[in-house]
Amino acid sequence: MGQADEIICHCLGITRGQIEEAVREKGLSTFDEVSEATEAGSVCGSCQDDIEEIIAEIKG
């Protein structure tokens, strides 16, 4: 796992920690769910692969 303060969504400045927290607390399991909950990936979408990797790390 990366650092919590690592910026994942550069368009909106959303960090790995914010994404991890949303996935854990809200039980999110897809990119679309994370994007809806945090707005990460909702501008250009270039961080989609990174977000999916974070979900996979957490969900196993």
PDB file of N, CA and C in Angstrom:
ATOM      1  N   MET A   1       0.834  -1.186   0.000  1.00  0.00           N
ATOM      2  CA  MET A   1       0.000   0.000   0.000  1.00  0.00           C
ATOM      3  C   MET A   1       0.879   1.250   0.000  1.00  0.00           C
ATOM      4  N   GLY A   2       0.382   2.269  -0.655  1.00  0.00           N
ATOM      5  CA  GLY A   2       1.101   3.527  -0.736  1.00  0.00           C
ATOM      6  C   GLY A   2       0.826   4.408   0.467  1.00  0.00           C
ATOM      7  N   GLN A   3       1.377   5.595   0.406  1.00  0.00           N
ATOM      8  CA  GLN A   3       1.198   6.578   1.468  1.00  0.00           C
ATOM      9  C   GLN A   3      -0.199   7.183   1.402  1.00  0.00           C
ATOM     10  N   ALA A   4      -0.806   7.442   2.544  1.00  0.00           N
ATOM     11  CA  ALA A   4      -2.166   7.982   2.610  1.00  0.00           C
ATOM     12  C   ALA A   4      -2.274   9.350   1.948  1.00  0.00           C
ATOM     13  N   ASP A   5      -1.161  10.123   1.968  1.00  0.00           N
ATOM     14  CA  ASP A   5      -1.223  11.465   1.400  1.00  0.00           C
ATOM     15  C   ASP A   5      -0.851  11.517  -0.080  1.00  0.00           C
ATOM     16  N   GLU A   6      -0.631  10.348  -0.689  1.00  0.00           N
ATOM     17  CA  GLU A   6      -0.319  10.295  -2.120  1.00  0.00           C
ATOM     18  C   GLU A   6      -1.546  10.747  -2.920  1.00  0.00           C
ATOM     19  N   ILE A   7      -1.341  11.710  -3.823  1.00  0.00           N
ATOM     20  CA  ILE A   7      -2.434  12.181  -4.671  1.00  0.00           C
ATOM     21  C   ILE A   7      -2.693  11.131  -5.744  1.00  0.00           C
ATOM     22  N   ILE A   8      -3.922  10.642  -5.793  1.00  0.00           N
ATOM     23  CA  ILE A   8      -4.321   9.659  -6.807  1.00  0.00           C
ATOM     24  C   ILE A   8      -5.049  10.370  -7.944  1.00  0.00           C
ATOM     25  N   CYS A   9      -6.011  11.199  -7.599  1.00  0.00           N
ATOM     26  CA  CYS A   9      -6.759  11.964  -8.600  1.00  0.00           C
ATOM     27  C   CYS A   9      -6.164  13.376  -8.640  1.00  0.00           C
ATOM     28  N   HIS A  10      -5.320  13.611  -9.636  1.00  0.00           N
ATOM     29  CA  HIS A  10      -4.635  14.902  -9.723  1.00  0.00           C
ATOM     30  C   HIS A  10      -5.584  16.028 -10.120  1.00  0.00           C
ATOM     31  N   CYS A  11      -6.618  15.728 -10.865  1.00  0.00           N
ATOM     32  CA  CYS A  11      -7.563  16.771 -11.277  1.00  0.00           C
ATOM     33  C   CYS A  11      -8.244  17.421 -10.080  1.00  0.00           C
ATOM     34  N   LEU A  12      -8.583  16.610  -9.075  1.00  0.00           N
ATOM     35  CA  LEU A  12      -9.326  17.114  -7.920  1.00  0.00           C
ATOM     36  C   LEU A  12      -8.531  17.055  -6.618  1.00  0.00           C
ATOM     37  N   GLY A  13      -7.284  16.570  -6.679  1.00  0.00           N
ATOM     38  CA  GLY A  13      -6.444  16.525  -5.492  1.00  0.00           C
ATOM     39  C   GLY A  13      -6.892  15.522  -4.451  1.00  0.00           C
ATOM     40  N   ILE A  14      -7.476  14.415  -4.890  1.00  0.00           N
ATOM     41  CA  ILE A  14      -7.982  13.404  -3.959  1.00  0.00           C
ATOM     42  C   ILE A  14      -6.874  12.395  -3.663  1.00  0.00           C
ATOM     43  N   THR A  15      -6.694  12.131  -2.374  1.00  0.00           N
ATOM     44  CA  THR A  15      -5.582  11.286  -1.935  1.00  0.00           C
ATOM     45  C   THR A  15      -5.976   9.813  -1.820  1.00  0.00           C
ATOM     46  N   ARG A  16      -4.933   8.999  -1.756  1.00  0.00           N
ATOM     47  CA  ARG A  16      -5.114   7.562  -1.522  1.00  0.00           C
ATOM     48  C   ARG A  16      -5.886   7.338  -0.220  1.00  0.00           C
ATOM     49  N   GLY A  17      -5.549   8.092   0.809  1.00  0.00           N
ATOM     50  CA  GLY A  17      -6.214   7.940   2.104  1.00  0.00           C
ATOM     51  C   GLY A  17      -7.705   8.211   2.017  1.00  0.00           C
ATOM     52  N   GLN A  18      -8.088   9.237   1.263  1.00  0.00           N
ATOM     53  CA  GLN A  18      -9.505   9.556   1.105  1.00  0.00           C
ATOM     54  C   GLN A  18     -10.230   8.423   0.374  1.00  0.00           C
ATOM     55  N   ILE A  19      -9.585   7.865  -0.630  1.00  0.00           N
ATOM     56  CA  ILE A  19     -10.195   6.768  -1.385  1.00  0.00           C
ATOM     57  C   ILE A  19     -10.289   5.522  -0.521  1.00  0.00           C
ATOM     58  N   GLU A  20      -9.209   5.196   0.185  1.00  0.00           N
ATOM     59  CA  GLU A  20      -9.222   4.022   1.070  1.00  0.00           C
ATOM     60  C   GLU A  20     -10.308   4.148   2.129  1.00  0.00           C
ATOM     61  N   GLU A  21     -10.429   5.314   2.714  1.00  0.00           N
ATOM     62  CA  GLU A  21     -11.445   5.545   3.751  1.00  0.00           C
ATOM     63  C   GLU A  21     -12.851   5.326   3.193  1.00  0.00           C
ATOM     64  N   ALA A  22     -13.106   5.864   2.005  1.00  0.00           N
ATOM     65  CA  ALA A  22     -14.430   5.701   1.393  1.00  0.00           C
ATOM     66  C   ALA A  22     -14.724   4.234   1.098  1.00  0.00           C
ATOM     67  N   VAL A  23     -13.731   3.520   0.574  1.00  0.00           N
ATOM     68  CA  VAL A  23     -13.929   2.102   0.252  1.00  0.00           C
ATOM     69  C   VAL A  23     -14.245   1.312   1.521  1.00  0.00           C
ATOM     70  N   ARG A  24     -13.485   1.555   2.582  1.00  0.00           N
ATOM     71  CA  ARG A  24     -13.685   0.809   3.831  1.00  0.00           C
ATOM     72  C   ARG A  24     -14.991   1.180   4.529  1.00  0.00           C
ATOM     73  N   GLU A  25     -15.239   2.474   4.669  1.00  0.00           N
ATOM     74  CA  GLU A  25     -16.400   2.916   5.451  1.00  0.00           C
ATOM     75  C   GLU A  25     -17.726   2.699   4.730  1.00  0.00           C
ATOM     76  N   LYS A  26     -17.723   2.798   3.418  1.00  0.00           N
ATOM     77  CA  LYS A  26     -18.968   2.695   2.659  1.00  0.00           C
ATOM     78  C   LYS A  26     -19.114   1.365   1.942  1.00  0.00           C
ATOM     79  N   GLY A  27     -18.111   0.503   2.064  1.00  0.00           N
ATOM     80  CA  GLY A  27     -18.182  -0.814   1.436  1.00  0.00           C
ATOM     81  C   GLY A  27     -18.168  -0.750  -0.084  1.00  0.00           C
ATOM     82  N   LEU A  28     -17.466   0.213  -0.638  1.00  0.00           N
ATOM     83  CA  LEU A  28     -17.440   0.384  -2.089  1.00  0.00           C
ATOM     84  C   LEU A  28     -16.582  -0.698  -2.733  1.00  0.00           C
ATOM     85  N   SER A  29     -16.961  -1.113  -3.939  1.00  0.00           N
ATOM     86  CA  SER A  29     -16.196  -2.176  -4.584  1.00  0.00           C
ATOM     87  C   SER A  29     -15.981  -1.966  -6.077  1.00  0.00           C
ATOM     88  N   THR A  30     -16.415  -0.840  -6.620  1.00  0.00           N
ATOM     89  CA  THR A  30     -16.190  -0.566  -8.037  1.00  0.00           C
ATOM     90  C   THR A  30     -15.675   0.857  -8.223  1.00  0.00           C
ATOM     91  N   PHE A  31     -15.046   1.076  -9.362  1.00  0.00           N
ATOM     92  CA  PHE A  31     -14.580   2.427  -9.695  1.00  0.00           C
ATOM     93  C   PHE A  31     -15.739   3.410  -9.693  1.00  0.00           C
ATOM     94  N   ASP A  32     -16.862   3.026 -10.286  1.00  0.00           N
ATOM     95  CA  ASP A  32     -18.008   3.920 -10.366  1.00  0.00           C
ATOM     96  C   ASP A  32     -18.515   4.315  -8.976  1.00  0.00           C
ATOM     97  N   GLU A  33     -18.534   3.366  -8.050  1.00  0.00           N
ATOM     98  CA  GLU A  33     -18.970   3.675  -6.683  1.00  0.00           C
ATOM     99  C   GLU A  33     -18.014   4.652  -6.016  1.00  0.00           C
ATOM    100  N   VAL A  34     -16.710   4.428  -6.199  1.00  0.00           N
ATOM    101  CA  VAL A  34     -15.716   5.322  -5.611  1.00  0.00           C
ATOM    102  C   VAL A  34     -15.818   6.708  -6.234  1.00  0.00           C
ATOM    103  N   SER A  35     -15.989   6.756  -7.543  1.00  0.00           N
ATOM    104  CA  SER A  35     -16.099   8.031  -8.241  1.00  0.00           C
ATOM    105  C   SER A  35     -17.325   8.811  -7.772  1.00  0.00           C
ATOM    106  N   GLU A  36     -18.420   8.106  -7.585  1.00  0.00           N
ATOM    107  CA  GLU A  36     -19.646   8.756  -7.114  1.00  0.00           C
ATOM    108  C   GLU A  36     -19.481   9.278  -5.687  1.00  0.00           C
ATOM    109  N   ALA A  37     -18.827   8.494  -4.843  1.00  0.00           N
ATOM    110  CA  ALA A  37     -18.686   8.860  -3.433  1.00  0.00           C
ATOM    111  C   ALA A  37     -17.643   9.948  -3.196  1.00  0.00           C
ATOM    112  N   THR A  38     -16.569   9.951  -4.006  1.00  0.00           N
ATOM    113  CA  THR A  38     -15.448  10.862  -3.746  1.00  0.00           C
ATOM    114  C   THR A  38     -15.201  11.860  -4.871  1.00  0.00           C
ATOM    115  N   GLU A  39     -15.799  11.630  -6.017  1.00  0.00           N
ATOM    116  CA  GLU A  39     -15.579  12.386  -7.258  1.00  0.00           C
ATOM    117  C   GLU A  39     -14.237  12.061  -7.904  1.00  0.00           C
ATOM    118  N   ALA A  40     -13.423  11.207  -7.290  1.00  0.00           N
ATOM    119  CA  ALA A  40     -12.148  10.809  -7.894  1.00  0.00           C
ATOM    120  C   ALA A  40     -12.412  10.133  -9.235  1.00  0.00           C
ATOM    121  N   GLY A  41     -11.665  10.533 -10.234  1.00  0.00           N
ATOM    122  CA  GLY A  41     -11.813   9.934 -11.560  1.00  0.00           C
ATOM    123  C   GLY A  41     -12.937  10.511 -12.382  1.00  0.00           C
ATOM    124  N   SER A  42     -13.629  11.512 -11.861  1.00  0.00           N
ATOM    125  CA  SER A  42     -14.805  12.031 -12.563  1.00  0.00           C
ATOM    126  C   SER A  42     -14.479  13.133 -13.562  1.00  0.00           C
ATOM    127  N   VAL A  43     -13.225  13.580 -13.611  1.00  0.00           N
ATOM    128  CA  VAL A  43     -12.869  14.635 -14.561  1.00  0.00           C
ATOM    129  C   VAL A  43     -12.265  14.018 -15.818  1.00  0.00           C
ATOM    130  N   CYS A  44     -11.040  13.502 -15.722  1.00  0.00           N
ATOM    131  CA  CYS A  44     -10.404  12.956 -16.929  1.00  0.00           C
ATOM    132  C   CYS A  44     -10.370  11.430 -16.941  1.00  0.00           C
ATOM    133  N   GLY A  45     -10.493  10.804 -15.769  1.00  0.00           N
ATOM    134  CA  GLY A  45     -10.533   9.343 -15.695  1.00  0.00           C
ATOM    135  C   GLY A  45      -9.184   8.654 -15.759  1.00  0.00           C
ATOM    136  N   SER A  46      -8.089   9.413 -15.829  1.00  0.00           N
ATOM    137  CA  SER A  46      -6.781   8.771 -15.967  1.00  0.00           C
ATOM    138  C   SER A  46      -6.354   8.003 -14.717  1.00  0.00           C
ATOM    139  N   CYS A  47      -7.001   8.241 -13.592  1.00  0.00           N
ATOM    140  CA  CYS A  47      -6.640   7.543 -12.355  1.00  0.00           C
ATOM    141  C   CYS A  47      -7.486   6.287 -12.118  1.00  0.00           C
ATOM    142  N   GLN A  48      -8.301   5.921 -13.083  1.00  0.00           N
ATOM    143  CA  GLN A  48      -9.193   4.772 -12.898  1.00  0.00           C
ATOM    144  C   GLN A  48      -8.414   3.511 -12.532  1.00  0.00           C
ATOM    145  N   ASP A  49      -7.319   3.233 -13.232  1.00  0.00           N
ATOM    146  CA  ASP A  49      -6.539   2.027 -12.924  1.00  0.00           C
ATOM    147  C   ASP A  49      -5.995   2.067 -11.501  1.00  0.00           C
ATOM    148  N   ASP A  50      -5.520   3.234 -11.063  1.00  0.00           N
ATOM    149  CA  ASP A  50      -5.000   3.364  -9.701  1.00  0.00           C
ATOM    150  C   ASP A  50      -6.099   3.128  -8.672  1.00  0.00           C
ATOM    151  N   ILE A  51      -7.265   3.675  -8.935  1.00  0.00           N
ATOM    152  CA  ILE A  51      -8.400   3.499  -8.015  1.00  0.00           C
ATOM    153  C   ILE A  51      -8.803   2.030  -7.959  1.00  0.00           C
ATOM    154  N   GLU A  52      -8.841   1.367  -9.099  1.00  0.00           N
ATOM    155  CA  GLU A  52      -9.186  -0.062  -9.121  1.00  0.00           C
ATOM    156  C   GLU A  52      -8.147  -0.889  -8.375  1.00  0.00           C
ATOM    157  N   GLU A  53      -6.873  -0.499  -8.454  1.00  0.00           N
ATOM    158  CA  GLU A  53      -5.825  -1.203  -7.702  1.00  0.00           C
ATOM    159  C   GLU A  53      -6.026  -1.034  -6.203  1.00  0.00           C
ATOM    160  N   ILE A  54      -6.393   0.169  -5.773  1.00  0.00           N
ATOM    161  CA  ILE A  54      -6.634   0.419  -4.350  1.00  0.00           C
ATOM    162  C   ILE A  54      -7.806  -0.436  -3.868  1.00  0.00           C
ATOM    163  N   ILE A  55      -8.871  -0.497  -4.642  1.00  0.00           N
ATOM    164  CA  ILE A  55     -10.026  -1.319  -4.286  1.00  0.00           C
ATOM    165  C   ILE A  55      -9.591  -2.773  -4.143  1.00  0.00           C
ATOM    166  N   ALA A  56      -8.804  -3.271  -5.099  1.00  0.00           N
ATOM    167  CA  ALA A  56      -8.336  -4.667  -5.076  1.00  0.00           C
ATOM    168  C   ALA A  56      -7.468  -4.938  -3.860  1.00  0.00           C
ATOM    169  N   GLU A  57      -6.601  -3.978  -3.494  1.00  0.00           N
ATOM    170  CA  GLU A  57      -5.763  -4.150  -2.310  1.00  0.00           C
ATOM    171  C   GLU A  57      -6.597  -4.300  -1.055  1.00  0.00           C
ATOM    172  N   ILE A  58      -7.646  -3.491  -0.956  1.00  0.00           N
ATOM    173  CA  ILE A  58      -8.476  -3.501   0.243  1.00  0.00           C
ATOM    174  C   ILE A  58      -9.398  -4.722   0.278  1.00  0.00           C
ATOM    175  N   LYS A  59      -9.998  -5.023  -0.860  1.00  0.00           N
ATOM    176  CA  LYS A  59     -10.964  -6.123  -0.921  1.00  0.00           C
ATOM    177  C   LYS A  59     -10.301  -7.494  -1.001  1.00  0.00           C
ATOM    178  N   GLY A  60      -9.019  -7.502  -1.376  1.00  0.00           N
ATOM    179  CA  GLY A  60      -8.287  -8.757  -1.470  1.00  0.00           C
ATOM    180  C   GLY A  60      -8.627  -9.482  -2.704  1.00  0.00           C
TER     181      GLY A  60
END
